[in-house]
Amino acid sequence: MKWQGKRFLMEYMNIPEQIKQYIAGQAEPKRKGLEALHLRIIHLFPMAKLWFLDGKDSDGKIVANPNVGYGSYTIKYADGTTRDFYQVGLSANKTGISVYILGIKDKTYLAQTYGKALGKASVTGYCIRFKALKDINMEVLEAAIRYGFEAHDEN
């Protein structure tokens, strides 16, 4: 195989090492926030499958922020096809950190249930964004993360 730089190396690293390098490559305070959340999620759900998506398509073009995923659920498409994806995700964004709670059918649930109690966070149908951990209520964020795992376990 031909050496193709960092992308080649990342494809052959194990997922925990990719996650470690991704987090280590972030500027403060994102790095500490991502690391704390990552450790908390793997402590809460030690058997959850780990994912790392580098945000690049098959041609190596950046199409999304890299993200870390936890757990696994099956997405069922209208045409009958399926694919596995993570239940809860974590990513650095331009201004801070995003936590993704995926596969929720009711797109108002996160905002209605956790939005006001989270603190300085923006909540959409599946994403909780905030600048730094100090800006949010960690117990409420943890409850939302737990919901992300439990909602799929009920299906």
N, C-alpha and C. Protein backbone atom coordinates (compact mmCIF):
# COMPACT_ATOMS: atom_id res chain seq x y z
N MET A 1 0.83 -1.19 0.00
CA MET A 1 0.00 0.00 0.00
C MET A 1 0.88 1.25 0.00
N LYS A 2 0.42 2.22 -0.72
CA LYS A 2 1.16 3.47 -0.85
C LYS A 2 0.89 4.38 0.35
N TRP A 3 1.94 4.95 0.90
CA TRP A 3 1.81 5.91 1.99
C TRP A 3 1.11 7.15 1.48
N GLN A 4 0.04 7.57 2.17
CA GLN A 4 -0.72 8.74 1.76
C GLN A 4 -0.85 9.76 2.88
N GLY A 5 0.12 9.79 3.74
CA GLY A 5 0.13 10.79 4.79
C GLY A 5 -0.77 10.46 5.96
N LYS A 6 -1.22 11.51 6.64
CA LYS A 6 -1.99 11.37 7.88
C LYS A 6 -3.26 10.55 7.68
N ARG A 7 -3.96 10.73 6.57
CA ARG A 7 -5.21 9.99 6.34
C ARG A 7 -4.95 8.49 6.31
N PHE A 8 -3.88 8.06 5.66
CA PHE A 8 -3.52 6.65 5.60
C PHE A 8 -3.28 6.13 7.01
N LEU A 9 -2.53 6.87 7.79
CA LEU A 9 -2.22 6.46 9.16
C LEU A 9 -3.49 6.36 9.99
N MET A 10 -4.39 7.33 9.87
CA MET A 10 -5.62 7.32 10.66
C MET A 10 -6.49 6.11 10.33
N GLU A 11 -6.51 5.69 9.07
CA GLU A 11 -7.34 4.56 8.68
C GLU A 11 -6.87 3.25 9.32
N TYR A 12 -5.61 3.18 9.69
CA TYR A 12 -5.07 1.94 10.23
C TYR A 12 -4.82 1.99 11.73
N MET A 13 -5.16 3.08 12.37
CA MET A 13 -5.08 3.17 13.82
C MET A 13 -6.33 2.57 14.43
N ASN A 14 -6.23 2.14 15.66
CA ASN A 14 -7.45 1.66 16.30
C ASN A 14 -8.30 2.86 16.73
N ILE A 15 -9.56 2.62 16.91
CA ILE A 15 -10.50 3.71 17.19
C ILE A 15 -10.16 4.46 18.48
N PRO A 16 -9.86 3.78 19.59
CA PRO A 16 -9.49 4.56 20.79
C PRO A 16 -8.29 5.49 20.56
N GLU A 17 -7.34 5.07 19.75
CA GLU A 17 -6.18 5.92 19.46
C GLU A 17 -6.59 7.11 18.59
N GLN A 18 -7.48 6.89 17.62
CA GLN A 18 -7.97 7.99 16.80
C GLN A 18 -8.70 9.02 17.67
N ILE A 19 -9.52 8.53 18.59
CA ILE A 19 -10.26 9.42 19.49
C ILE A 19 -9.28 10.22 20.34
N LYS A 20 -8.30 9.54 20.89
CA LYS A 20 -7.29 10.20 21.73
C LYS A 20 -6.58 11.31 20.95
N GLN A 21 -6.17 11.03 19.72
CA GLN A 21 -5.49 12.03 18.91
C GLN A 21 -6.41 13.19 18.53
N TYR A 22 -7.65 12.87 18.22
CA TYR A 22 -8.61 13.92 17.88
C TYR A 22 -8.80 14.88 19.05
N ILE A 23 -9.03 14.34 20.22
CA ILE A 23 -9.23 15.18 21.40
C ILE A 23 -7.96 15.97 21.72
N ALA A 24 -6.81 15.32 21.66
CA ALA A 24 -5.54 15.99 21.96
C ALA A 24 -5.25 17.13 20.98
N GLY A 25 -5.79 17.05 19.78
CA GLY A 25 -5.56 18.07 18.77
C GLY A 25 -6.43 19.31 18.91
N GLN A 26 -7.32 19.32 19.88
CA GLN A 26 -8.21 20.47 20.07
C GLN A 26 -7.56 21.51 20.99
N ALA A 27 -7.91 22.76 20.74
CA ALA A 27 -7.43 23.85 21.60
C ALA A 27 -8.24 23.86 22.89
N GLU A 28 -7.66 24.44 23.92
CA GLU A 28 -8.38 24.63 25.18
C GLU A 28 -9.41 25.73 25.00
N PRO A 29 -10.54 25.71 25.67
CA PRO A 29 -10.98 24.74 26.66
C PRO A 29 -11.68 23.52 26.05
N LYS A 30 -11.80 23.49 24.70
CA LYS A 30 -12.49 22.36 24.07
C LYS A 30 -11.85 21.03 24.44
N ARG A 31 -10.52 20.99 24.44
CA ARG A 31 -9.83 19.73 24.72
C ARG A 31 -10.25 19.16 26.08
N LYS A 32 -10.21 19.98 27.10
CA LYS A 32 -10.58 19.50 28.44
C LYS A 32 -12.06 19.10 28.50
N GLY A 33 -12.91 19.87 27.84
CA GLY A 33 -14.33 19.55 27.82
C GLY A 33 -14.61 18.25 27.09
N LEU A 34 -14.02 18.07 25.92
CA LEU A 34 -14.20 16.84 25.15
C LEU A 34 -13.66 15.64 25.92
N GLU A 35 -12.49 15.82 26.51
CA GLU A 35 -11.89 14.71 27.27
C GLU A 35 -12.76 14.32 28.46
N ALA A 36 -13.25 15.32 29.18
CA ALA A 36 -14.10 15.04 30.34
C ALA A 36 -15.39 14.33 29.92
N LEU A 37 -16.00 14.80 28.85
CA LEU A 37 -17.24 14.17 28.37
C LEU A 37 -16.98 12.75 27.85
N HIS A 38 -15.90 12.59 27.11
CA HIS A 38 -15.55 11.26 26.60
C HIS A 38 -15.36 10.27 27.75
N LEU A 39 -14.59 10.67 28.74
CA LEU A 39 -14.34 9.79 29.89
C LEU A 39 -15.64 9.50 30.64
N ARG A 40 -16.49 10.50 30.77
CA ARG A 40 -17.76 10.31 31.47
C ARG A 40 -18.66 9.33 30.72
N ILE A 41 -18.75 9.48 29.41
CA ILE A 41 -19.61 8.59 28.62
C ILE A 41 -19.10 7.15 28.67
N ILE A 42 -17.79 6.96 28.54
CA ILE A 42 -17.30 5.57 28.58
C ILE A 42 -17.37 4.99 29.99
N HIS A 43 -17.38 5.85 30.99
CA HIS A 43 -17.60 5.37 32.37
C HIS A 43 -19.05 4.92 32.55
N LEU A 44 -19.98 5.72 32.03
CA LEU A 44 -21.41 5.40 32.16
C LEU A 44 -21.81 4.19 31.32
N PHE A 45 -21.20 4.05 30.16
CA PHE A 45 -21.57 2.99 29.20
C PHE A 45 -20.31 2.28 28.70
N PRO A 46 -19.64 1.55 29.58
CA PRO A 46 -18.35 0.95 29.23
C PRO A 46 -18.42 -0.08 28.11
N MET A 47 -19.57 -0.65 27.86
CA MET A 47 -19.69 -1.66 26.81
C MET A 47 -20.15 -1.08 25.48
N ALA A 48 -20.37 0.23 25.42
CA ALA A 48 -20.84 0.87 24.19
C ALA A 48 -19.76 0.79 23.11
N LYS A 49 -20.18 0.50 21.92
CA LYS A 49 -19.27 0.48 20.77
C LYS A 49 -18.75 1.90 20.56
N LEU A 50 -17.45 2.02 20.28
CA LEU A 50 -16.84 3.32 19.98
C LEU A 50 -16.75 3.50 18.47
N TRP A 51 -16.99 4.72 18.03
CA TRP A 51 -16.89 5.09 16.63
C TRP A 51 -15.99 6.32 16.52
N PHE A 52 -15.31 6.46 15.41
CA PHE A 52 -14.63 7.71 15.10
C PHE A 52 -14.84 7.99 13.62
N LEU A 53 -15.44 9.14 13.33
CA LEU A 53 -15.63 9.57 11.95
C LEU A 53 -14.78 10.82 11.75
N ASP A 54 -13.89 10.78 10.79
CA ASP A 54 -12.95 11.89 10.61
C ASP A 54 -13.54 13.08 9.85
N GLY A 55 -14.79 12.97 9.41
CA GLY A 55 -15.45 14.08 8.74
C GLY A 55 -15.13 14.18 7.26
N LYS A 56 -14.44 13.17 6.71
CA LYS A 56 -14.05 13.22 5.30
C LYS A 56 -14.81 12.17 4.50
N ASP A 57 -15.07 12.51 3.24
CA ASP A 57 -15.71 11.53 2.37
C ASP A 57 -14.67 10.58 1.79
N SER A 58 -15.08 9.69 0.91
CA SER A 58 -14.16 8.68 0.37
C SER A 58 -13.03 9.28 -0.46
N ASP A 59 -13.18 10.53 -0.89
CA ASP A 59 -12.12 11.21 -1.64
C ASP A 59 -11.21 12.03 -0.73
N GLY A 60 -11.46 11.99 0.58
CA GLY A 60 -10.63 12.74 1.52
C GLY A 60 -11.05 14.19 1.69
N LYS A 61 -12.17 14.57 1.10
CA LYS A 61 -12.69 15.94 1.21
C LYS A 61 -13.44 16.09 2.53
N ILE A 62 -13.20 17.19 3.24
CA ILE A 62 -13.89 17.45 4.50
C ILE A 62 -15.34 17.82 4.21
N VAL A 63 -16.25 17.05 4.79
CA VAL A 63 -17.68 17.29 4.59
C VAL A 63 -18.43 17.52 5.90
N ALA A 64 -17.77 17.28 7.03
CA ALA A 64 -18.39 17.47 8.34
C ALA A 64 -17.29 17.57 9.39
N ASN A 65 -17.68 18.01 10.59
CA ASN A 65 -16.73 17.99 11.70
C ASN A 65 -16.44 16.55 12.08
N PRO A 66 -15.19 16.23 12.43
CA PRO A 66 -14.93 14.88 12.96
C PRO A 66 -15.77 14.67 14.22
N ASN A 67 -16.14 13.43 14.48
CA ASN A 67 -16.90 13.17 15.69
C ASN A 67 -16.66 11.78 16.23
N VAL A 68 -16.88 11.68 17.53
CA VAL A 68 -16.74 10.44 18.28
C VAL A 68 -18.15 9.93 18.54
N GLY A 69 -18.36 8.64 18.36
CA GLY A 69 -19.67 8.07 18.59
C GLY A 69 -19.62 6.96 19.63
N TYR A 70 -20.77 6.73 20.26
CA TYR A 70 -20.90 5.73 21.32
C TYR A 70 -22.18 4.95 21.11
N GLY A 71 -22.09 3.64 21.28
CA GLY A 71 -23.27 2.80 21.13
C GLY A 71 -23.53 2.49 19.67
N SER A 72 -24.62 1.81 19.41
CA SER A 72 -24.96 1.44 18.05
C SER A 72 -26.45 1.16 17.95
N TYR A 73 -27.06 1.66 16.90
CA TYR A 73 -28.44 1.32 16.61
C TYR A 73 -28.58 1.20 15.10
N THR A 74 -29.62 0.56 14.67
CA THR A 74 -29.83 0.34 13.25
C THR A 74 -30.84 1.34 12.71
N ILE A 75 -30.42 2.06 11.70
CA ILE A 75 -31.29 3.00 11.00
C ILE A 75 -31.99 2.21 9.90
N LYS A 76 -33.30 2.34 9.85
CA LYS A 76 -34.08 1.67 8.81
C LYS A 76 -34.61 2.72 7.85
N TYR A 77 -34.27 2.57 6.58
CA TYR A 77 -34.70 3.51 5.55
C TYR A 77 -36.00 3.04 4.89
N ALA A 78 -36.69 3.98 4.26
CA ALA A 78 -37.97 3.69 3.63
C ALA A 78 -37.86 2.61 2.55
N ASP A 79 -36.70 2.53 1.91
CA ASP A 79 -36.54 1.53 0.85
C ASP A 79 -36.20 0.14 1.39
N GLY A 80 -36.19 0.01 2.72
CA GLY A 80 -35.92 -1.29 3.34
C GLY A 80 -34.47 -1.54 3.69
N THR A 81 -33.56 -0.68 3.25
CA THR A 81 -32.16 -0.85 3.59
C THR A 81 -31.91 -0.39 5.02
N THR A 82 -30.82 -0.85 5.59
CA THR A 82 -30.46 -0.47 6.96
C THR A 82 -28.98 -0.15 7.02
N ARG A 83 -28.60 0.55 8.07
CA ARG A 83 -27.18 0.75 8.38
C ARG A 83 -27.06 1.02 9.87
N ASP A 84 -25.96 0.63 10.42
CA ASP A 84 -25.69 0.88 11.84
C ASP A 84 -25.04 2.24 11.99
N PHE A 85 -25.36 2.91 13.09
CA PHE A 85 -24.77 4.20 13.40
C PHE A 85 -24.74 4.35 14.91
N TYR A 86 -24.02 5.37 15.38
CA TYR A 86 -23.92 5.55 16.82
C TYR A 86 -25.17 6.21 17.41
N GLN A 87 -25.37 6.00 18.72
CA GLN A 87 -26.52 6.56 19.41
C GLN A 87 -26.24 7.96 19.94
N VAL A 88 -25.06 8.14 20.49
CA VAL A 88 -24.65 9.42 21.08
C VAL A 88 -23.32 9.81 20.46
N GLY A 89 -23.20 11.08 20.09
CA GLY A 89 -21.96 11.56 19.47
C GLY A 89 -21.43 12.79 20.17
N LEU A 90 -20.16 13.06 19.92
CA LEU A 90 -19.44 14.16 20.55
C LEU A 90 -18.53 14.77 19.51
N SER A 91 -18.54 16.10 19.41
CA SER A 91 -17.72 16.76 18.41
C SER A 91 -17.35 18.17 18.84
N ALA A 92 -16.18 18.62 18.39
CA ALA A 92 -15.81 20.02 18.54
C ALA A 92 -16.46 20.76 17.38
N ASN A 93 -16.91 21.98 17.64
CA ASN A 93 -17.42 22.82 16.56
C ASN A 93 -16.69 24.16 16.62
N LYS A 94 -17.05 25.11 15.77
CA LYS A 94 -16.33 26.38 15.72
C LYS A 94 -16.26 27.08 17.08
N THR A 95 -17.36 27.06 17.81
CA THR A 95 -17.42 27.84 19.05
C THR A 95 -17.36 27.01 20.32
N GLY A 96 -17.40 25.69 20.22
CA GLY A 96 -17.40 24.88 21.44
C GLY A 96 -17.56 23.41 21.17
N ILE A 97 -18.56 22.82 21.79
CA ILE A 97 -18.77 21.37 21.76
C ILE A 97 -20.21 21.05 21.37
N SER A 98 -20.37 19.99 20.60
CA SER A 98 -21.70 19.49 20.26
C SER A 98 -21.84 18.07 20.79
N VAL A 99 -22.99 17.79 21.38
CA VAL A 99 -23.35 16.44 21.80
C VAL A 99 -24.57 16.06 20.97
N TYR A 100 -24.48 14.93 20.28
CA TYR A 100 -25.57 14.47 19.43
C TYR A 100 -26.30 13.32 20.10
N ILE A 101 -27.61 13.41 20.14
CA ILE A 101 -28.47 12.33 20.64
C ILE A 101 -29.29 11.90 19.42
N LEU A 102 -28.90 10.80 18.81
CA LEU A 102 -29.45 10.44 17.51
C LEU A 102 -30.58 9.42 17.60
N GLY A 103 -31.40 9.42 16.57
CA GLY A 103 -32.47 8.44 16.45
C GLY A 103 -33.71 8.76 17.26
N ILE A 104 -33.83 9.97 17.74
CA ILE A 104 -35.01 10.37 18.51
C ILE A 104 -36.14 10.68 17.52
N LYS A 105 -37.27 10.06 17.71
CA LYS A 105 -38.40 10.27 16.79
C LYS A 105 -39.04 11.64 16.99
N ASP A 106 -39.20 12.06 18.24
CA ASP A 106 -39.82 13.35 18.55
C ASP A 106 -38.73 14.42 18.56
N LYS A 107 -38.67 15.23 17.52
CA LYS A 107 -37.61 16.23 17.37
C LYS A 107 -37.74 17.41 18.32
N THR A 108 -38.79 17.46 19.12
CA THR A 108 -38.93 18.53 20.11
C THR A 108 -38.55 18.05 21.51
N TYR A 109 -38.34 16.74 21.66
CA TYR A 109 -38.13 16.16 22.98
C TYR A 109 -36.91 16.74 23.73
N LEU A 110 -35.77 16.80 23.10
CA LEU A 110 -34.57 17.30 23.79
C LEU A 110 -34.75 18.72 24.30
N ALA A 111 -35.24 19.59 23.43
CA ALA A 111 -35.42 20.99 23.82
C ALA A 111 -36.46 21.13 24.93
N GLN A 112 -37.58 20.42 24.82
CA GLN A 112 -38.64 20.52 25.82
C GLN A 112 -38.23 19.90 27.15
N THR A 113 -37.51 18.81 27.12
CA THR A 113 -37.18 18.08 28.33
C THR A 113 -35.95 18.61 29.04
N TYR A 114 -34.92 19.00 28.27
CA TYR A 114 -33.65 19.38 28.88
C TYR A 114 -33.23 20.82 28.62
N GLY A 115 -33.81 21.45 27.61
CA GLY A 115 -33.36 22.76 27.15
C GLY A 115 -33.17 23.82 28.21
N LYS A 116 -34.22 24.12 28.95
CA LYS A 116 -34.15 25.20 29.94
C LYS A 116 -33.22 24.88 31.10
N ALA A 117 -33.13 23.62 31.47
CA ALA A 117 -32.31 23.23 32.63
C ALA A 117 -30.83 23.05 32.29
N LEU A 118 -30.48 23.02 31.00
CA LEU A 118 -29.09 22.78 30.61
C LEU A 118 -28.16 23.94 30.92
N GLY A 119 -28.67 25.15 30.87
CA GLY A 119 -27.80 26.32 31.04
C GLY A 119 -27.60 26.98 29.69
N LYS A 120 -26.39 27.50 29.45
CA LYS A 120 -26.09 28.21 28.21
C LYS A 120 -25.82 27.20 27.09
N ALA A 121 -26.89 26.68 26.53
CA ALA A 121 -26.78 25.69 25.45
C ALA A 121 -27.86 25.95 24.41
N SER A 122 -27.54 25.59 23.20
CA SER A 122 -28.51 25.62 22.11
C SER A 122 -28.94 24.17 21.87
N VAL A 123 -30.24 23.94 21.83
CA VAL A 123 -30.74 22.57 21.69
C VAL A 123 -31.64 22.49 20.47
N THR A 124 -31.31 21.56 19.56
CA THR A 124 -32.14 21.31 18.38
C THR A 124 -32.74 19.91 18.53
N GLY A 125 -33.28 19.39 17.45
CA GLY A 125 -33.92 18.09 17.48
C GLY A 125 -33.03 16.95 17.92
N TYR A 126 -31.72 17.06 17.67
CA TYR A 126 -30.80 15.98 18.04
C TYR A 126 -29.45 16.47 18.55
N CYS A 127 -29.27 17.78 18.67
CA CYS A 127 -27.95 18.32 19.02
C CYS A 127 -28.03 19.31 20.18
N ILE A 128 -27.07 19.17 21.10
CA ILE A 128 -26.91 20.11 22.21
C ILE A 128 -25.55 20.77 22.02
N ARG A 129 -25.55 22.09 21.82
CA ARG A 129 -24.30 22.83 21.59
C ARG A 129 -24.06 23.80 22.75
N PHE A 130 -22.80 23.88 23.14
CA PHE A 130 -22.43 24.82 24.19
C PHE A 130 -20.97 25.19 24.02
N LYS A 131 -20.59 26.30 24.63
CA LYS A 131 -19.21 26.79 24.49
C LYS A 131 -18.24 26.00 25.35
N ALA A 132 -18.59 25.80 26.62
CA ALA A 132 -17.69 25.10 27.54
C ALA A 132 -18.51 24.39 28.62
N LEU A 133 -17.93 23.37 29.22
CA LEU A 133 -18.64 22.62 30.26
C LEU A 133 -19.10 23.51 31.41
N LYS A 134 -18.34 24.54 31.71
CA LYS A 134 -18.72 25.43 32.82
C LYS A 134 -20.04 26.15 32.56
N ASP A 135 -20.47 26.19 31.31
CA ASP A 135 -21.69 26.89 30.94
C ASP A 135 -22.96 26.06 31.07
N ILE A 136 -22.81 24.77 31.36
CA ILE A 136 -23.98 23.90 31.38
C ILE A 136 -24.09 23.13 32.69
N ASN A 137 -25.28 22.63 32.93
CA ASN A 137 -25.54 21.77 34.08
C ASN A 137 -25.19 20.34 33.65
N MET A 138 -24.09 19.82 34.17
CA MET A 138 -23.58 18.52 33.76
C MET A 138 -24.57 17.39 34.08
N GLU A 139 -25.29 17.49 35.17
CA GLU A 139 -26.26 16.45 35.53
C GLU A 139 -27.38 16.37 34.49
N VAL A 140 -27.80 17.51 33.98
CA VAL A 140 -28.85 17.54 32.97
C VAL A 140 -28.31 16.99 31.64
N LEU A 141 -27.08 17.37 31.28
CA LEU A 141 -26.49 16.83 30.06
C LEU A 141 -26.34 15.31 30.17
N GLU A 142 -25.91 14.84 31.32
CA GLU A 142 -25.78 13.40 31.53
C GLU A 142 -27.13 12.70 31.39
N ALA A 143 -28.19 13.32 31.88
CA ALA A 143 -29.53 12.75 31.75
C ALA A 143 -29.93 12.65 30.27
N ALA A 144 -29.60 13.66 29.48
CA ALA A 144 -29.90 13.63 28.05
C ALA A 144 -29.10 12.52 27.36
N ILE A 145 -27.85 12.35 27.75
CA ILE A 145 -27.01 11.29 27.18
C ILE A 145 -27.58 9.92 27.55
N ARG A 146 -27.96 9.76 28.80
CA ARG A 146 -28.58 8.50 29.22
C ARG A 146 -29.84 8.21 28.40
N TYR A 147 -30.63 9.25 28.18
CA TYR A 147 -31.83 9.10 27.38
C TYR A 147 -31.47 8.59 25.97
N GLY A 148 -30.41 9.12 25.41
CA GLY A 148 -29.98 8.71 24.08
C GLY A 148 -29.69 7.22 23.99
N PHE A 149 -29.17 6.65 25.04
CA PHE A 149 -28.93 5.21 25.06
C PHE A 149 -30.21 4.44 25.37
N GLU A 150 -30.95 4.90 26.35
CA GLU A 150 -32.16 4.19 26.80
C GLU A 150 -33.27 4.19 25.77
N ALA A 151 -33.41 5.27 25.01
CA ALA A 151 -34.48 5.36 24.00
C ALA A 151 -34.32 4.25 22.97
N HIS A 152 -33.11 3.91 22.61
CA HIS A 152 -32.88 2.84 21.63
C HIS A 152 -33.05 1.47 22.26
N ASP A 153 -32.75 1.35 23.54
CA ASP A 153 -32.91 0.06 24.21
C ASP A 153 -34.38 -0.34 24.30
N GLU A 154 -35.26 0.67 24.32
CA GLU A 154 -36.70 0.40 24.42
C GLU A 154 -37.30 -0.07 23.09
N ASN A 155 -36.65 0.26 21.98
CA ASN A 155 -37.18 -0.10 20.66
C ASN A 155 -36.93 -1.54 20.32
